[in-house]
Amino acid sequence: MHSPSEPSGQCEPPCGDPWRLPEQEPTNLLALWSDHQPPTKTEVITALSSYLGRKVCVLEELAQDDADIAWCVATKLPILAAPVVFWSERAQPVSEEELTVLNAGSCRWIVGAETLLAEDDPLTDYLNLMTLIAGAFADVPAVLDVNTTRWHTRRELDEVFASDDVEPPAEVLWIVQSVQRAAGGAAEDDMVWLHTHGLWRCGVPELEMLGVPLAYADPAAELMNDIAALLLERRPPEPGAPMEIGTNLRVALQPWQTIVPRLEDDMPGGMSERTENGDNAHLGARAVICAVPERAHVGDSCLWPRRVTEMLMRDEAGVYMTRRATERQAKLARATWGQLATAFATVNHLPRGEDGSPPIVFGIKAGFQEDDDETSREHLWFEIRSFDADRAEGELVNQPLAVRRLSKGDRVWIEREHISDWMVMTAEWSFGPNDLASLWRGIDELKQRATS
């Protein structure tokens, strides 16, 4: 029940829509039960009903041939469109080290949940289900997301899923795995195969990058995350067609069947990595992210989007943010305003460089109504000059494209409630609202340098 099925794959390029899934993959979650005694059906349904504040409707009891499964029921929850199957079974063996990390040494049973996420908004369904499990089963030490093999600890359940602050990013729906194999000799020649697990349950193809140099693995994985998030809000393009992911940033998606047969035998992600047997067959609807124009063949550096990745690494461009991500980032930026203002005051006295430039730059982004379109906003970056409670004075960094009433160098007072992002930068690093711990470590290093 809790092993996601692999949509049927084939080694020939598919006819028709290559991105269409034979069937949507269900989401499977396994919550470790802290009691030695197995949870009863009544106990679980009562806990769910109590948390929701209304009775959970049991649609039917499902018969099971597996002796380890104590019971299994299909339910209808008010927070999800599709039915949710709950069951209890004996916990599978977990390593002693993992049990210690998860604080799950006494767990002998699990409560499982399986459902189909809404394809038009899988993130909301997933967060609703995780929040329900976190809130209804307060003693559960951890939850395993079977689709991604990612454990969510009790702390994550409380601070991330059960929190009313800022919702988790879309990446919680999938993971990017890296498979490495030496391409021959020096470590810098090693190549990695990056691929996702978890996107099938969102109704979109899994993503891959092939032949990525090891030194580019992390930024390439970040790019893959960005593209995956975009695919949750828009259809993937036709195979090989340019996909605009940012200003002057384009990639192409190709079915794996078009690319993989061209690879050398020893390249990660080749045919030897794909099998009709097992849960990780790496077949089915899978899109390889390629450079534009797509000229992929053995040893071709254009197999993966090197230029795009390098531009992002040099901060010369940015990937479009989804509507959901934009709203999340704005909420997070506003929630951490106090930290930003405190950091600014902490380093405002540090000596400037020989050219008069500050050792650290504080920037905020805010949206301004476009001159010719009242429904659209252009988001502009400002370098902060001063703070005054819940507003800051900033100097416009670039010349706007659609807000002609403002010019580069203009100073504007911006209210906290209007910002959509912030960034703190030095010549060595840059941090945003997601990086508070790293930001403060960086500031401490700057202060130590200034006093040494």
Protein backbone atom coordinates (compact mmCIF):
# COMPACT_ATOMS: atom_id res chain seq x y z
CA MET A 1 0.00 0.00 0.00
CA HIS A 2 2.71 2.47 0.90
CA SER A 3 5.08 1.86 -2.03
CA PRO A 4 4.35 4.43 -4.76
CA SER A 5 3.75 2.76 -8.08
CA GLU A 6 6.03 3.61 -10.99
CA PRO A 7 4.02 4.79 -13.99
CA SER A 8 4.73 2.40 -16.83
CA GLY A 9 7.76 3.43 -18.85
CA GLN A 10 9.18 2.51 -22.20
CA CYS A 11 12.53 2.95 -23.90
CA GLU A 12 11.07 4.42 -27.08
CA PRO A 13 10.06 8.10 -27.16
CA PRO A 14 6.35 8.25 -26.25
CA CYS A 15 3.70 9.18 -28.77
CA GLY A 16 1.23 11.94 -28.05
CA ASP A 17 1.77 13.95 -24.88
CA PRO A 18 5.11 12.80 -23.39
CA TRP A 19 4.36 14.54 -20.09
CA ARG A 20 1.03 12.81 -19.46
CA LEU A 21 1.06 10.40 -16.53
CA PRO A 22 -0.73 7.05 -16.96
CA GLU A 23 -2.06 7.73 -13.48
CA GLN A 24 -1.33 10.18 -10.71
CA GLU A 25 0.90 8.86 -7.96
CA PRO A 26 -0.79 8.81 -4.54
CA THR A 27 0.80 10.50 -1.55
CA ASN A 28 1.75 8.12 1.26
CA LEU A 29 2.62 9.27 4.79
CA LEU A 30 3.63 7.00 7.68
CA ALA A 31 3.33 8.39 11.21
CA LEU A 32 5.30 6.53 13.89
CA TRP A 33 3.03 5.58 16.80
CA SER A 34 4.67 6.20 20.18
CA ASP A 35 2.70 3.58 22.16
CA HIS A 36 3.70 -0.10 22.29
CA GLN A 37 0.06 -0.98 21.75
CA PRO A 38 -1.34 -0.70 18.21
CA PRO A 39 -3.61 2.29 17.59
CA THR A 40 -7.24 1.33 17.19
CA LYS A 41 -9.45 2.57 14.37
CA THR A 42 -11.72 4.32 16.87
CA GLU A 43 -8.74 6.01 18.54
CA VAL A 44 -7.43 7.39 15.25
CA ILE A 45 -10.79 8.54 13.87
CA THR A 46 -11.62 10.21 17.20
CA ALA A 47 -8.29 12.07 17.24
CA LEU A 48 -8.83 13.28 13.67
CA SER A 49 -12.39 14.39 14.42
CA SER A 50 -11.34 16.18 17.58
CA TYR A 51 -8.63 18.17 15.79
CA LEU A 52 -10.92 19.09 12.90
CA GLY A 53 -13.78 20.02 15.18
CA ARG A 54 -16.20 17.85 13.22
CA LYS A 55 -16.80 14.14 12.77
CA VAL A 56 -14.70 12.39 10.16
CA CYS A 57 -16.91 10.48 7.72
CA VAL A 58 -15.86 6.83 7.30
CA LEU A 59 -16.77 5.81 3.74
CA GLU A 60 -15.94 2.12 4.06
CA GLU A 61 -13.73 -0.41 5.77
CA LEU A 62 -11.22 -1.95 3.38
CA ALA A 63 -10.32 -5.62 3.58
CA GLN A 64 -6.60 -6.44 3.73
CA ASP A 65 -4.71 -9.68 3.04
CA ASP A 66 -1.62 -8.47 4.91
CA ALA A 67 -1.58 -9.89 8.44
CA ASP A 68 0.56 -6.97 9.67
CA ILE A 69 -2.21 -4.46 8.86
CA ALA A 70 -4.57 -4.19 11.82
CA TRP A 71 -7.31 -2.20 10.05
CA CYS A 72 -7.87 0.04 7.03
CA VAL A 73 -10.62 2.59 6.32
CA ALA A 74 -11.43 5.09 3.59
CA THR A 75 -12.53 8.48 4.92
CA LYS A 76 -13.81 11.82 3.64
CA LEU A 77 -12.15 14.85 5.20
CA PRO A 78 -13.45 18.42 4.86
CA ILE A 79 -9.94 19.72 4.13
CA LEU A 80 -9.27 17.48 1.09
CA ALA A 81 -11.22 16.86 -2.08
CA ALA A 82 -10.11 13.25 -2.55
CA PRO A 83 -10.80 10.48 0.00
CA VAL A 84 -8.03 9.62 2.45
CA VAL A 85 -7.26 6.03 3.40
CA PHE A 86 -5.98 5.55 6.95
CA TRP A 87 -4.60 2.29 8.28
CA SER A 88 -2.41 0.84 11.02
CA GLU A 89 0.38 -1.72 10.59
CA ARG A 90 3.54 -2.89 12.26
CA ALA A 91 6.49 -0.54 11.80
CA GLN A 92 9.26 -1.74 9.49
CA PRO A 93 12.77 -2.08 10.95
CA VAL A 94 14.70 1.20 11.21
CA SER A 95 18.40 1.56 12.06
CA GLU A 96 19.35 2.29 15.67
CA GLU A 97 20.96 5.56 14.60
CA GLU A 98 17.79 6.65 12.81
CA LEU A 99 15.60 5.67 15.75
CA THR A 100 17.75 7.82 18.04
CA VAL A 101 17.59 10.84 15.75
CA LEU A 102 13.83 10.48 15.38
CA ASN A 103 13.34 9.77 19.11
CA ALA A 104 11.33 6.74 18.04
CA GLY A 105 12.91 3.87 19.96
CA SER A 106 9.58 2.75 21.47
CA CYS A 107 7.59 2.85 18.24
CA ARG A 108 6.29 -0.51 17.09
CA TRP A 109 3.33 0.62 14.97
CA ILE A 110 2.54 3.24 12.38
CA VAL A 111 -0.56 5.08 11.23
CA GLY A 112 -0.56 5.42 7.47
CA ALA A 113 -2.40 7.90 5.27
CA GLU A 114 -2.83 7.75 1.50
CA THR A 115 -4.58 10.19 -0.82
CA LEU A 116 -4.43 11.91 -4.20
CA LEU A 117 -3.44 15.57 -4.12
CA ALA A 118 -5.40 18.09 -6.16
CA GLU A 119 -3.41 18.65 -9.37
CA ASP A 120 -4.36 22.33 -9.50
CA ASP A 121 -3.03 22.94 -5.97
CA PRO A 122 -1.10 19.97 -4.60
CA LEU A 123 0.80 22.04 -2.05
CA THR A 124 -2.31 23.12 -0.17
CA ASP A 125 -3.60 19.55 0.03
CA TYR A 126 -0.23 18.27 1.20
CA LEU A 127 0.14 20.94 3.88
CA ASN A 128 -3.43 20.36 5.06
CA LEU A 129 -2.80 16.63 5.46
CA MET A 130 0.55 17.09 7.20
CA THR A 131 -0.93 19.72 9.52
CA LEU A 132 -3.78 17.37 10.37
CA ILE A 133 -1.43 14.51 11.25
CA ALA A 134 0.85 16.83 13.26
CA GLY A 135 -2.07 18.28 15.22
CA ALA A 136 -4.23 15.19 15.70
CA PHE A 137 -1.38 12.92 16.81
CA ALA A 138 0.63 15.13 19.17
CA ASP A 139 2.75 12.22 20.46
CA VAL A 140 3.92 11.07 17.03
CA PRO A 141 7.74 11.54 17.00
CA ALA A 142 8.14 11.61 13.20
CA VAL A 143 6.37 11.16 9.88
CA LEU A 144 7.90 9.49 6.83
CA ASP A 145 6.96 10.87 3.43
CA VAL A 146 7.24 7.67 1.41
CA ASN A 147 7.22 9.47 -1.94
CA THR A 148 10.41 11.38 -1.12
CA THR A 149 11.82 9.06 1.62
CA ARG A 150 12.12 12.23 3.74
CA TRP A 151 11.56 12.06 7.50
CA HIS A 152 9.79 14.97 9.21
CA THR A 153 10.68 15.10 12.90
CA ARG A 154 8.38 16.22 15.70
CA ARG A 155 10.09 19.59 15.76
CA GLU A 156 9.38 20.07 12.05
CA LEU A 157 5.80 18.96 12.50
CA ASP A 158 5.27 21.59 15.20
CA GLU A 159 7.38 24.45 13.83
CA VAL A 160 6.86 24.01 10.10
CA PHE A 161 3.54 22.31 9.43
CA ALA A 162 1.51 23.19 12.52
CA SER A 163 2.70 26.81 12.56
CA ASP A 164 0.48 29.68 11.47
CA ASP A 165 3.45 31.83 10.45
CA VAL A 166 4.93 31.19 7.00
CA GLU A 167 4.05 28.06 5.04
CA PRO A 168 6.82 25.73 3.86
CA PRO A 169 8.14 26.22 0.32
CA ALA A 170 6.86 24.09 -2.56
CA GLU A 171 10.06 21.99 -2.41
CA VAL A 172 8.53 20.08 0.49
CA LEU A 173 6.61 18.14 -2.17
CA TRP A 174 9.71 16.64 -3.78
CA ILE A 175 13.41 15.97 -3.28
CA VAL A 176 16.38 16.24 -5.63
CA GLN A 177 18.63 13.20 -5.47
CA SER A 178 22.21 13.19 -6.74
CA VAL A 179 23.97 10.13 -8.15
CA GLN A 180 27.71 10.53 -8.69
CA ARG A 181 30.18 8.49 -10.66
CA ALA A 182 33.72 9.47 -11.64
CA ALA A 183 34.06 10.34 -15.31
CA GLY A 184 37.69 9.33 -15.19
CA GLY A 185 40.49 10.59 -12.99
CA ALA A 186 40.38 13.91 -11.17
CA ALA A 187 37.54 14.74 -8.81
CA GLU A 188 36.75 17.90 -10.75
CA ASP A 189 35.85 15.66 -13.71
CA ASP A 190 33.21 13.79 -11.74
CA MET A 191 29.68 14.07 -13.07
CA VAL A 192 26.38 13.79 -11.27
CA TRP A 193 22.88 12.80 -12.29
CA LEU A 194 20.25 14.94 -10.59
CA HIS A 195 16.66 13.75 -10.50
CA THR A 196 13.51 14.42 -8.52
CA HIS A 197 11.13 12.18 -6.61
CA GLY A 198 7.69 13.48 -5.65
CA LEU A 199 6.52 15.43 -8.69
CA TRP A 200 4.39 12.60 -10.06
CA ARG A 201 2.01 13.04 -7.15
CA CYS A 202 1.58 16.65 -8.32
CA GLY A 203 0.53 15.50 -11.78
CA VAL A 204 3.72 16.68 -13.53
CA PRO A 205 6.74 14.78 -14.89
CA GLU A 206 9.75 14.11 -12.72
CA LEU A 207 12.77 16.23 -13.67
CA GLU A 208 16.37 15.27 -14.40
CA MET A 209 19.73 16.81 -15.29
CA LEU A 210 22.41 14.63 -16.82
CA GLY A 211 26.17 15.09 -17.08
CA VAL A 212 26.35 17.89 -14.52
CA PRO A 213 29.93 18.56 -13.29
CA LEU A 214 30.24 17.94 -9.57
CA ALA A 215 31.23 21.57 -8.94
CA TYR A 216 27.86 22.69 -10.33
CA ALA A 217 25.70 20.12 -8.53
CA ASP A 218 24.31 22.43 -5.82
CA PRO A 219 23.36 25.41 -8.03
CA ALA A 220 21.99 23.01 -10.67
CA ALA A 221 19.81 21.38 -8.00
CA GLU A 222 18.54 24.83 -6.96
CA LEU A 223 17.68 25.54 -10.59
CA MET A 224 15.83 22.23 -10.77
CA ASN A 225 13.82 23.21 -7.69
CA ASP A 226 12.90 26.52 -9.31
CA ILE A 227 11.76 24.84 -12.53
CA ALA A 228 9.75 22.25 -10.60
CA ALA A 229 7.93 25.03 -8.75
CA LEU A 230 7.11 26.76 -12.06
CA LEU A 231 5.63 23.53 -13.41
CA LEU A 232 3.12 23.49 -10.56
CA GLU A 233 1.59 26.67 -12.00
CA ARG A 234 2.03 26.17 -15.75
CA ARG A 235 2.06 23.38 -18.30
CA PRO A 236 5.47 22.10 -19.44
CA PRO A 237 6.33 23.14 -23.01
CA GLU A 238 6.49 20.80 -25.96
CA PRO A 239 9.65 18.65 -26.05
CA GLY A 240 12.62 20.75 -27.14
CA ALA A 241 10.65 24.01 -27.18
CA PRO A 242 12.26 26.90 -25.26
CA MET A 243 10.87 27.34 -21.76
CA GLU A 244 11.37 30.87 -20.45
CA ILE A 245 12.17 30.62 -16.77
CA GLY A 246 13.47 34.18 -16.28
CA THR A 247 14.53 37.26 -18.19
CA ASN A 248 16.96 36.00 -20.86
CA LEU A 249 16.87 32.57 -19.23
CA ARG A 250 15.60 29.62 -21.25
CA VAL A 251 15.87 25.86 -21.00
CA ALA A 252 14.36 22.97 -22.92
CA LEU A 253 12.68 19.82 -21.62
CA GLN A 254 13.18 16.51 -23.40
CA PRO A 255 11.73 13.06 -22.63
CA TRP A 256 14.39 10.85 -21.06
CA GLN A 257 13.93 8.36 -23.91
CA THR A 258 15.30 10.98 -26.32
CA ILE A 259 18.42 11.72 -24.28
CA VAL A 260 19.49 8.67 -22.27
CA PRO A 261 20.24 6.26 -25.16
CA ARG A 262 22.88 8.78 -26.36
CA LEU A 263 24.84 8.66 -23.11
CA GLU A 264 28.06 6.73 -22.59
CA ASP A 265 27.66 3.56 -20.59
CA ASP A 266 29.55 4.88 -17.57
CA MET A 267 27.57 8.13 -17.25
CA PRO A 268 25.26 8.41 -14.24
CA GLY A 269 21.62 8.23 -15.31
CA GLY A 270 22.32 5.93 -18.26
CA MET A 271 20.27 2.91 -19.24
CA SER A 272 21.95 0.77 -16.59
CA GLU A 273 20.32 2.99 -13.94
CA ARG A 274 16.84 2.32 -15.30
CA THR A 275 15.05 -0.97 -14.90
CA GLU A 276 11.53 -2.28 -15.29
CA ASN A 277 11.81 -3.84 -11.83
CA GLY A 278 11.69 -2.15 -8.44
CA ASP A 279 10.27 1.07 -7.04
CA ASN A 280 13.03 3.28 -8.46
CA ALA A 281 12.85 2.29 -12.10
CA HIS A 282 13.41 5.88 -13.32
CA LEU A 283 11.15 5.29 -16.29
CA GLY A 284 7.76 6.82 -17.13
CA ALA A 285 7.09 10.51 -17.61
CA ARG A 286 10.44 12.16 -16.91
CA ALA A 287 11.73 15.43 -18.40
CA VAL A 288 15.46 16.05 -18.85
CA ILE A 289 16.36 19.73 -18.44
CA CYS A 290 18.63 20.69 -21.34
CA ALA A 291 20.28 23.77 -22.75
CA VAL A 292 18.72 25.75 -25.61
CA PRO A 293 19.16 24.92 -28.42
CA GLU A 294 19.14 21.29 -27.45
CA ARG A 295 22.19 19.62 -29.00
CA ALA A 296 22.56 16.76 -26.58
CA HIS A 297 24.90 13.93 -27.43
CA VAL A 298 27.73 12.06 -25.79
CA GLY A 299 30.06 14.47 -24.02
CA ASP A 300 28.18 17.58 -25.18
CA SER A 301 28.40 20.34 -22.58
CA CYS A 302 25.01 21.59 -23.80
CA LEU A 303 23.32 18.50 -22.41
CA TRP A 304 22.62 20.43 -19.23
CA PRO A 305 21.96 24.22 -19.02
CA ARG A 306 25.47 25.34 -18.10
CA ARG A 307 25.06 28.98 -19.22
CA VAL A 308 21.84 29.44 -17.28
CA THR A 309 23.35 27.86 -14.17
CA GLU A 310 26.46 30.03 -14.37
CA MET A 311 24.40 33.21 -14.80
CA LEU A 312 22.45 32.33 -11.66
CA MET A 313 25.65 31.56 -9.77
CA ARG A 314 27.01 35.01 -10.68
CA ASP A 315 23.70 36.70 -9.72
CA GLU A 316 23.41 37.98 -13.30
CA ALA A 317 19.83 36.77 -13.61
CA GLY A 318 16.99 35.30 -11.61
CA VAL A 319 14.34 32.64 -12.16
CA TYR A 320 10.74 33.80 -12.16
CA MET A 321 9.05 33.23 -8.83
CA THR A 322 5.66 31.55 -8.77
CA ARG A 323 2.68 33.38 -7.37
CA ARG A 324 2.75 31.12 -4.32
CA ALA A 325 6.47 31.64 -3.76
CA THR A 326 6.14 35.42 -4.17
CA GLU A 327 3.41 35.56 -1.54
CA ARG A 328 5.42 33.35 0.80
CA GLN A 329 8.60 35.39 0.38
CA ALA A 330 6.75 38.64 1.01
CA LYS A 331 5.17 37.29 4.19
CA LEU A 332 8.53 35.98 5.40
CA ALA A 333 10.29 39.28 4.58
CA ARG A 334 7.73 41.26 6.57
CA ALA A 335 7.84 38.82 9.48
CA THR A 336 11.65 39.21 9.75
CA TRP A 337 11.66 43.01 9.42
CA GLY A 338 12.80 43.42 13.01
CA GLN A 339 15.83 41.19 12.41
CA LEU A 340 16.71 43.17 9.29
CA ALA A 341 16.48 46.51 11.13
CA THR A 342 18.56 45.19 14.04
CA ALA A 343 21.23 43.85 11.68
CA PHE A 344 21.38 47.23 9.92
CA ALA A 345 21.87 49.07 13.21
CA THR A 346 24.49 46.55 14.32
CA VAL A 347 26.85 47.13 11.38
CA ASN A 348 25.98 50.73 10.46
CA HIS A 349 29.07 51.99 12.29
CA LEU A 350 31.58 49.68 10.55
CA PRO A 351 34.28 51.52 8.57
CA ARG A 352 33.81 51.90 4.82
CA GLY A 353 36.21 50.68 2.16
CA GLU A 354 38.86 52.83 0.50
CA ASP A 355 36.41 53.73 -2.26
CA GLY A 356 33.79 54.80 0.29
CA SER A 357 31.60 51.74 -0.25
CA PRO A 358 29.97 50.11 2.80
CA PRO A 359 31.25 46.67 3.84
CA ILE A 360 27.71 45.35 3.78
CA VAL A 361 24.69 46.39 1.70
CA PHE A 362 21.07 46.08 2.82
CA GLY A 363 18.40 45.91 0.15
CA ILE A 364 14.61 45.71 0.15
CA LYS A 365 12.24 44.95 -2.72
CA ALA A 366 8.79 46.44 -3.11
CA GLY A 367 6.12 46.41 -5.80
CA PHE A 368 5.00 49.61 -7.53
CA GLN A 369 1.97 49.97 -9.79
CA GLU A 370 2.99 50.16 -13.43
CA ASP A 371 2.18 53.37 -15.31
CA ASP A 372 0.25 51.70 -18.13
CA ASP A 373 -1.34 48.80 -16.28
CA GLU A 374 -3.10 49.34 -12.96
CA THR A 375 -3.37 45.58 -12.40
CA SER A 376 0.39 44.92 -12.65
CA ARG A 377 3.27 45.78 -10.36
CA GLU A 378 6.96 46.05 -11.06
CA HIS A 379 9.06 44.91 -8.13
CA LEU A 380 12.06 47.18 -7.58
CA TRP A 381 15.15 46.89 -5.40
CA PHE A 382 16.24 49.70 -3.07
CA GLU A 383 19.41 50.05 -1.04
CA ILE A 384 18.43 50.91 2.53
CA ARG A 385 19.73 54.23 3.84
CA SER A 386 17.87 54.41 7.16
CA PHE A 387 15.15 52.78 9.25
CA ASP A 388 12.29 54.47 11.08
CA ALA A 389 10.22 51.90 12.98
CA ASP A 390 8.05 50.11 10.38
CA ARG A 391 9.40 51.93 7.37
CA ALA A 392 12.76 52.36 5.67
CA GLU A 393 14.26 54.91 3.30
CA GLY A 394 15.77 53.30 0.24
CA GLU A 395 17.65 54.41 -2.86
CA LEU A 396 16.46 52.87 -6.13
CA VAL A 397 19.16 50.56 -7.50
CA ASN A 398 18.10 50.17 -11.15
CA GLN A 399 16.11 52.11 -13.73
CA PRO A 400 12.51 50.81 -13.74
CA LEU A 401 11.02 49.43 -16.95
CA ALA A 402 7.34 50.20 -16.40
CA VAL A 403 7.32 52.72 -13.52
CA ARG A 404 8.47 55.88 -15.31
CA ARG A 405 7.69 58.15 -12.36
CA LEU A 406 10.74 56.71 -10.60
CA SER A 407 14.37 56.85 -11.70
CA LYS A 408 17.54 55.14 -10.60
CA GLY A 409 18.93 56.92 -7.53
CA ASP A 410 15.56 58.19 -6.27
CA ARG A 411 15.04 57.96 -2.53
CA VAL A 412 11.70 56.59 -1.35
CA TRP A 413 10.24 55.74 2.05
CA ILE A 414 8.83 52.19 1.98
CA GLU A 415 6.45 50.76 4.55
CA ARG A 416 7.11 47.35 6.03
CA GLU A 417 3.73 46.05 4.83
CA HIS A 418 4.66 46.82 1.21
CA ILE A 419 7.97 44.97 0.91
CA SER A 420 8.14 41.69 -1.01
CA ASP A 421 11.71 40.64 -0.18
CA TRP A 422 15.01 41.74 1.35
CA MET A 423 18.66 40.89 0.87
CA VAL A 424 21.88 41.56 2.79
CA MET A 425 25.08 41.35 0.72
CA THR A 426 28.85 41.62 0.97
CA ALA A 427 31.53 40.84 -1.60
CA GLU A 428 31.60 37.28 -0.24
CA TRP A 429 27.99 36.34 0.50
CA SER A 430 24.33 37.27 0.32
CA PHE A 431 21.49 36.26 2.61
CA GLY A 432 17.72 36.71 2.60
CA PRO A 433 14.80 36.13 4.97
CA ASN A 434 15.37 32.36 4.87
CA ASP A 435 18.97 32.68 6.07
CA LEU A 436 18.80 34.49 9.41
CA ALA A 437 21.23 32.19 11.23
CA SER A 438 23.80 32.47 8.41
CA LEU A 439 23.26 36.23 8.24
CA TRP A 440 24.13 36.72 11.89
CA ARG A 441 27.20 34.48 11.59
CA GLY A 442 28.35 36.59 8.66
CA ILE A 443 27.79 39.82 10.58
CA ASP A 444 29.78 38.47 13.53
CA GLU A 445 32.69 37.71 11.19
CA LEU A 446 32.56 41.25 9.75
CA LYS A 447 32.63 42.76 13.22
CA GLN A 448 35.56 40.58 14.25
CA ARG A 449 37.52 41.64 11.16
CA ALA A 450 36.79 45.31 11.84
CA THR A 451 38.12 45.08 15.41
CA SER A 452 41.15 42.86 14.69
